[in-house]
């Protein structure tokens, strides 16, 4: 299943996903597949009747591609095999989930052609057979060398994605197990943190009788061991984390772009503007993007996105204009 199977809550009962939300979902899917997955990054500016919620729905489209994909078990095996003595993981069993230290990864003494992960679980040495890795082991971000983040798992944090009833009915347990196994940021979101958190917490969706929020899909605070993005304030003075230059930045409004793009100059960017934006602010952004397109070697690729949207039968909503470049 995907987020396209969701229904939207209304006073008239559950409704199909509106065109403008589906449009945002598909932009997120395109950004993920052509930027993150195939490393053909794209920049995009959109003019919308209203930008409220739109950046969050784009981020949901990116996250959905992660939840929906079938991760190859051999890549999971490789990740565990690369762990070194002293590496930290999260070990899950029927009682709890807790941090543990790696002792070794070695051939199983019982089953031929199977590896076993030996860990120090409190005062106990424990062996985890390879067939249980996907269910019992979660990599910690500080041990995953492809992603640099500062968040650590504490006793107060929830572990994995089992806490979301909506995710559990929308995706298979196998998909969710594989997603939470890997840490990593798929997007950065810049905007008004208070407004974003408020919008994320509203019941908007329903599927098979289970209601949910945007927060069910996006994890960038410190309440869960799993995160799939980072949230930055449009008011921040500096960034105290390492920025991955390949992760797309979603600016929820023009103000966020004007104030914070200096921190993400080489990242792919998605800039949202509203019809209600101040004329001077819109003019400032247009002039800045014009200079960028003229001075550097950029190619306008708006037609690529239009062709993609046509191939997925996605309607471009009335009142939406956009320009894409690479």
Protein backbone atom coordinates (compact mmCIF):
# COMPACT_ATOMS: atom_id res chain seq x y z
CA UNK A 1 0.00 0.00 0.00
CA UNK A 2 0.98 3.66 -0.34
CA UNK A 3 -0.29 7.00 0.92
CA UNK A 4 -2.53 7.16 -2.15
CA UNK A 5 -4.76 4.64 -0.39
CA UNK A 6 -5.47 7.11 2.39
CA UNK A 7 -8.77 8.94 2.73
CA UNK A 8 -9.14 12.50 3.98
CA UNK A 9 -11.39 13.22 6.95
CA UNK A 10 -14.26 15.64 6.38
CA UNK A 11 -17.64 16.52 7.86
CA UNK A 12 -19.19 14.51 5.02
CA UNK A 13 -17.14 11.46 5.86
CA UNK A 14 -13.92 10.05 4.35
CA UNK A 15 -13.05 11.50 0.92
CA UNK A 16 -10.54 10.52 -1.75
CA UNK A 17 -7.21 12.35 -1.71
CA UNK A 18 -7.78 15.77 -3.40
CA UNK A 19 -5.78 16.60 -6.54
CA UNK A 20 -3.62 19.20 -4.79
CA UNK A 21 -2.52 16.76 -2.06
CA UNK A 22 -1.89 14.01 -4.59
CA UNK A 23 0.14 16.52 -6.63
CA UNK A 24 2.34 17.21 -3.59
CA UNK A 25 2.71 13.47 -2.93
CA UNK A 26 3.85 12.88 -6.52
CA UNK A 27 6.35 15.74 -6.37
CA UNK A 28 7.81 14.07 -3.29
CA UNK A 29 7.97 10.73 -5.10
CA UNK A 30 9.70 12.35 -8.08
CA UNK A 31 12.20 14.18 -5.87
CA UNK A 32 13.02 10.91 -4.11
CA UNK A 33 13.37 8.71 -7.18
CA UNK A 34 15.18 11.13 -9.47
CA UNK A 35 17.15 13.01 -6.84
CA UNK A 36 17.88 10.82 -3.83
CA UNK A 37 17.74 7.40 -5.49
CA UNK A 38 19.32 8.14 -8.87
CA UNK A 39 21.33 11.19 -7.71
CA UNK A 40 19.86 13.48 -10.41
CA UNK A 41 19.08 16.33 -8.07
CA UNK A 42 16.50 18.92 -9.05
CA UNK A 43 15.58 22.44 -7.91
CA UNK A 44 12.00 23.59 -7.93
CA UNK A 45 10.04 26.74 -7.15
CA UNK A 46 6.26 26.60 -6.93
CA UNK A 47 3.68 29.37 -6.81
CA UNK A 48 0.59 28.23 -4.90
CA UNK A 49 -2.72 29.73 -3.83
CA UNK A 50 -1.65 28.80 -0.27
CA UNK A 51 1.50 27.06 0.91
CA UNK A 52 0.05 25.80 4.24
CA UNK A 53 0.54 22.00 4.59
CA UNK A 54 2.09 21.74 1.10
CA UNK A 55 5.69 21.30 2.25
CA UNK A 56 4.57 18.57 4.66
CA UNK A 57 2.75 16.68 1.92
CA UNK A 58 5.86 16.83 -0.30
CA UNK A 59 7.86 15.38 2.61
CA UNK A 60 5.21 12.67 3.01
CA UNK A 61 5.65 11.78 -0.67
CA UNK A 62 9.38 11.35 -0.08
CA UNK A 63 8.82 9.29 3.09
CA UNK A 64 6.25 7.05 1.41
CA UNK A 65 8.82 5.91 -1.16
CA UNK A 66 10.99 4.74 1.75
CA UNK A 67 8.12 2.94 3.49
CA UNK A 68 6.87 1.31 0.30
CA UNK A 69 10.12 -0.01 -1.13
CA UNK A 70 11.29 -3.56 -0.68
CA UNK A 71 14.76 -3.38 0.82
CA UNK A 72 16.99 -6.24 -0.27
CA UNK A 73 17.99 -8.54 2.57
CA UNK A 74 21.53 -8.74 1.22
CA UNK A 75 22.03 -5.02 1.90
CA UNK A 76 20.84 -5.54 5.48
CA UNK A 77 23.25 -8.46 5.83
CA UNK A 78 26.08 -6.30 4.51
CA UNK A 79 25.30 -3.52 7.00
CA UNK A 80 25.47 -5.92 9.96
CA UNK A 81 28.59 -7.60 8.62
CA UNK A 82 30.31 -4.19 8.57
CA UNK A 83 29.69 -3.58 12.27
CA UNK A 84 32.85 -3.61 14.37
CA UNK A 85 33.54 -4.67 17.92
CA UNK A 86 32.15 -1.99 20.24
CA UNK A 87 29.60 -0.69 17.73
CA UNK A 88 26.25 0.17 19.31
CA UNK A 89 22.90 -1.15 18.11
CA UNK A 90 19.35 -1.37 19.42
CA UNK A 91 18.30 -4.90 20.31
CA UNK A 92 14.58 -5.71 20.41
CA UNK A 93 12.89 -8.70 22.00
CA UNK A 94 9.43 -9.42 23.42
CA UNK A 95 10.19 -7.53 26.64
CA UNK A 96 11.83 -4.30 25.50
CA UNK A 97 14.22 -2.51 23.16
CA UNK A 98 17.60 -1.38 24.47
CA UNK A 99 21.08 -0.43 23.40
CA UNK A 100 23.70 -3.16 23.16
CA UNK A 101 27.35 -3.41 22.11
CA UNK A 102 28.62 -5.59 19.28
CA UNK A 103 31.09 -8.30 20.24
CA UNK A 104 31.56 -9.91 16.83
CA UNK A 105 29.91 -11.14 13.65
CA UNK A 106 30.92 -14.71 12.87
CA UNK A 107 29.71 -17.97 11.28
CA UNK A 108 26.96 -19.75 13.15
CA UNK A 109 28.15 -22.87 15.01
CA UNK A 110 24.76 -24.50 14.37
CA UNK A 111 23.60 -23.63 10.84
CA UNK A 112 25.81 -23.83 7.77
CA UNK A 113 26.06 -20.65 5.63
CA UNK A 114 24.46 -18.50 8.35
CA UNK A 115 26.13 -15.74 10.33
CA UNK A 116 25.49 -14.83 13.94
CA UNK A 117 25.73 -11.39 15.56
CA UNK A 118 27.13 -11.57 19.07
CA UNK A 119 26.27 -8.67 21.38
CA UNK A 120 26.76 -7.58 24.96
CA UNK A 121 23.21 -7.12 26.28
CA UNK A 122 23.67 -5.70 29.78
CA UNK A 123 25.68 -8.33 31.66
CA UNK A 124 24.69 -11.07 29.21
CA UNK A 125 26.38 -12.17 25.98
CA UNK A 126 23.76 -12.90 23.36
CA UNK A 127 23.89 -14.40 19.87
CA UNK A 128 21.40 -13.24 17.21
CA UNK A 129 21.11 -15.61 14.21
CA UNK A 130 21.06 -13.94 10.79
CA UNK A 131 17.42 -14.90 10.14
CA UNK A 132 16.38 -12.70 13.11
CA UNK A 133 18.42 -9.60 12.29
CA UNK A 134 15.61 -7.78 10.51
CA UNK A 135 13.23 -8.32 13.46
CA UNK A 136 15.62 -7.87 16.39
CA UNK A 137 18.24 -5.31 15.31
CA UNK A 138 18.10 -1.58 14.55
CA UNK A 139 21.22 0.28 13.54
CA UNK A 140 22.06 3.40 15.50
CA UNK A 141 22.77 6.55 13.52
CA UNK A 142 26.15 7.13 15.15
CA UNK A 143 27.29 3.76 13.75
CA UNK A 144 25.91 4.28 10.24
CA UNK A 145 28.71 5.94 8.30
CA UNK A 146 26.60 7.11 5.36
CA UNK A 147 24.51 9.43 7.55
CA UNK A 148 25.73 12.01 10.05
CA UNK A 149 23.23 13.01 12.71
CA UNK A 150 23.44 14.02 16.34
CA UNK A 151 20.29 12.45 17.75
CA UNK A 152 20.78 9.48 20.04
CA UNK A 153 18.32 7.04 21.51
CA UNK A 154 17.46 7.69 25.15
CA UNK A 155 15.29 5.77 27.59
CA UNK A 156 12.48 8.27 27.01
CA UNK A 157 12.37 7.70 23.26
CA UNK A 158 10.05 5.33 21.47
CA UNK A 159 11.76 2.73 19.33
CA UNK A 160 10.81 2.06 15.73
CA UNK A 161 7.46 2.56 14.05
CA UNK A 162 5.20 0.18 15.98
CA UNK A 163 3.60 3.11 17.81
CA UNK A 164 1.77 4.34 14.71
CA UNK A 165 -1.46 2.44 14.14
CA UNK A 166 -1.91 4.15 10.77
CA UNK A 167 1.47 3.00 9.45
CA UNK A 168 0.78 -0.54 10.66
CA UNK A 169 -2.41 -0.83 8.63
CA UNK A 170 -1.03 0.99 5.58
CA UNK A 171 2.28 -0.88 5.20
CA UNK A 172 3.34 -4.45 5.94
CA UNK A 173 5.33 -5.31 9.04
CA UNK A 174 8.16 -6.43 6.78
CA UNK A 175 8.31 -3.01 5.13
CA UNK A 176 8.31 -1.19 8.46
CA UNK A 177 10.95 -3.48 9.95
CA UNK A 178 13.27 -2.78 7.03
CA UNK A 179 12.62 0.97 7.17
CA UNK A 180 13.40 1.33 10.88
CA UNK A 181 16.51 -0.84 10.48
CA UNK A 182 18.21 1.99 8.61
CA UNK A 183 18.67 5.52 9.95
CA UNK A 184 18.92 8.37 7.48
CA UNK A 185 17.58 11.74 6.39
CA UNK A 186 15.57 11.87 3.16
CA UNK A 187 14.62 15.55 3.46
CA UNK A 188 15.26 18.76 5.35
CA UNK A 189 12.30 21.01 6.11
CA UNK A 190 12.75 24.72 6.87
CA UNK A 191 9.90 26.84 8.21
CA UNK A 192 7.95 28.12 11.19
CA UNK A 193 8.43 25.29 13.69
CA UNK A 194 5.38 26.14 15.78
CA UNK A 195 3.08 26.22 12.75
CA UNK A 196 4.58 23.05 11.29
CA UNK A 197 4.18 21.11 14.54
CA UNK A 198 0.58 22.31 14.83
CA UNK A 199 -0.22 21.25 11.27
CA UNK A 200 1.45 17.87 11.77
CA UNK A 201 -0.64 17.05 14.83
CA UNK A 202 -4.09 17.43 13.27
CA UNK A 203 -6.14 14.34 12.40
CA UNK A 204 -6.34 14.54 8.60
CA UNK A 205 -6.28 10.97 7.28
CA UNK A 206 -8.13 7.73 7.78
CA UNK A 207 -7.52 4.22 6.44
CA UNK A 208 -9.48 1.08 7.37
CA UNK A 209 -11.09 2.98 10.24
CA UNK A 210 -7.77 4.16 11.70
CA UNK A 211 -7.29 7.93 11.91
CA UNK A 212 -3.89 9.56 11.66
CA UNK A 213 -1.84 12.69 11.24
CA UNK A 214 1.06 13.87 9.13
CA UNK A 215 3.19 13.14 12.19
CA UNK A 216 2.59 9.43 11.62
CA UNK A 217 4.78 9.68 8.51
CA UNK A 218 7.42 12.28 9.36
CA UNK A 219 9.97 11.72 12.12
CA UNK A 220 12.40 14.51 12.86
CA UNK A 221 12.11 15.23 16.55
CA UNK A 222 13.86 13.45 19.40
CA UNK A 223 10.91 11.36 20.61
CA UNK A 224 11.67 8.33 18.43
CA UNK A 225 14.78 6.33 17.62
CA UNK A 226 13.80 6.46 13.94
CA UNK A 227 14.03 9.70 11.99
CA UNK A 228 13.62 10.31 8.26
CA UNK A 229 14.32 14.04 8.13
CA UNK A 230 15.29 17.18 10.00
CA UNK A 231 13.27 20.28 10.84
CA UNK A 232 15.01 23.67 10.88
CA UNK A 233 13.60 26.97 12.05
CA UNK A 234 13.35 29.86 9.62
CA UNK A 235 14.70 31.96 12.52
CA UNK A 236 17.85 29.91 13.26
CA UNK A 237 21.21 31.68 13.50
CA UNK A 238 23.45 28.68 12.84
CA UNK A 239 23.31 24.92 12.20
CA UNK A 240 24.96 22.64 14.75
CA UNK A 241 24.70 19.40 12.74
CA UNK A 242 26.49 18.14 9.63
CA UNK A 243 24.46 18.84 6.49
CA UNK A 244 24.32 16.13 3.82
CA UNK A 245 24.63 18.04 0.53
CA UNK A 246 22.55 15.45 -1.35
CA UNK A 247 19.44 15.74 0.85
CA UNK A 248 16.72 17.98 -0.67
CA UNK A 249 15.70 21.05 1.34
CA UNK A 250 12.02 21.99 1.37
CA UNK A 251 11.46 25.67 2.14
CA UNK A 252 7.90 25.99 3.39
CA UNK A 253 7.70 29.67 2.35
CA UNK A 254 9.76 32.42 0.71
CA UNK A 255 10.83 33.88 4.05
CA UNK A 256 12.48 30.57 5.00
CA UNK A 257 14.37 30.49 1.71
CA UNK A 258 15.57 34.10 2.00
CA UNK A 259 16.75 33.68 5.60
CA UNK A 260 18.26 30.19 5.51
CA UNK A 261 19.43 29.23 2.01
CA UNK A 262 22.95 30.34 2.99
CA UNK A 263 23.15 27.13 5.03
CA UNK A 264 22.11 24.87 2.12
CA UNK A 265 23.64 26.53 -0.96
CA UNK A 266 24.56 23.28 -2.71
CA UNK A 267 21.55 21.17 -1.66
CA UNK A 268 18.67 20.46 -4.03
CA UNK A 269 15.91 22.90 -3.09
CA UNK A 270 12.13 23.09 -3.26
CA UNK A 271 10.88 26.63 -2.67
CA UNK A 272 7.20 27.32 -1.97
CA UNK A 273 5.59 30.70 -2.50
CA UNK A 274 2.04 31.87 -1.88
CA UNK A 275 -0.17 34.32 -3.75
CA UNK A 276 -0.34 36.24 -0.47
CA UNK A 277 3.45 36.71 -0.20
CA UNK A 278 4.66 40.28 -0.02
CA UNK A 279 5.55 41.63 -3.46
CA UNK A 280 9.02 42.78 -2.37
CA UNK A 281 9.83 39.34 -1.01
CA UNK A 282 8.71 37.66 -4.23
CA UNK A 283 10.76 40.11 -6.29
CA UNK A 284 13.86 39.42 -4.15
CA UNK A 285 13.60 35.66 -4.68
CA UNK A 286 12.96 36.00 -8.41
CA UNK A 287 16.05 38.17 -8.85
CA UNK A 288 18.20 35.79 -6.81
CA UNK A 289 17.08 32.76 -8.83
CA UNK A 290 17.52 34.67 -12.08
CA UNK A 291 21.14 35.40 -11.14
CA UNK A 292 21.71 31.77 -10.25
CA UNK A 293 20.30 30.48 -13.53
CA UNK A 294 22.23 32.99 -15.64
CA UNK A 295 25.58 32.85 -13.88
CA UNK A 296 25.95 29.11 -13.42
CA UNK A 297 25.58 26.19 -15.78
CA UNK A 298 21.94 25.29 -15.14
CA UNK A 299 19.36 23.66 -17.34
CA UNK A 300 15.61 24.26 -17.09
CA UNK A 301 13.92 20.84 -16.76
CA UNK A 302 10.30 21.76 -16.03
CA UNK A 303 9.18 19.58 -18.93
CA UNK A 304 10.72 16.51 -17.24
CA UNK A 305 8.40 16.90 -14.25
CA UNK A 306 5.38 17.59 -16.45
CA UNK A 307 6.08 14.38 -18.39
CA UNK A 308 6.46 12.45 -15.15
CA UNK A 309 3.15 13.80 -13.83
CA UNK A 310 1.44 12.82 -17.08
CA UNK A 311 2.89 9.30 -16.85
CA UNK A 312 1.36 8.90 -13.38
CA UNK A 313 -1.98 10.49 -14.38
CA UNK A 314 -1.41 13.26 -11.86
CA UNK A 315 -3.45 16.41 -12.34
CA UNK A 316 -1.70 19.75 -11.91
CA UNK A 317 -4.18 21.75 -9.79
CA UNK A 318 -5.57 25.04 -11.01
CA UNK A 319 -3.62 28.05 -9.81
CA UNK A 320 -0.29 26.18 -9.49
CA UNK A 321 2.78 27.33 -11.43
CA UNK A 322 6.29 25.94 -11.15
CA UNK A 323 9.78 26.09 -12.61
CA UNK A 324 12.38 23.33 -12.32
CA UNK A 325 16.10 23.44 -13.05
CA UNK A 326 19.15 21.28 -12.61
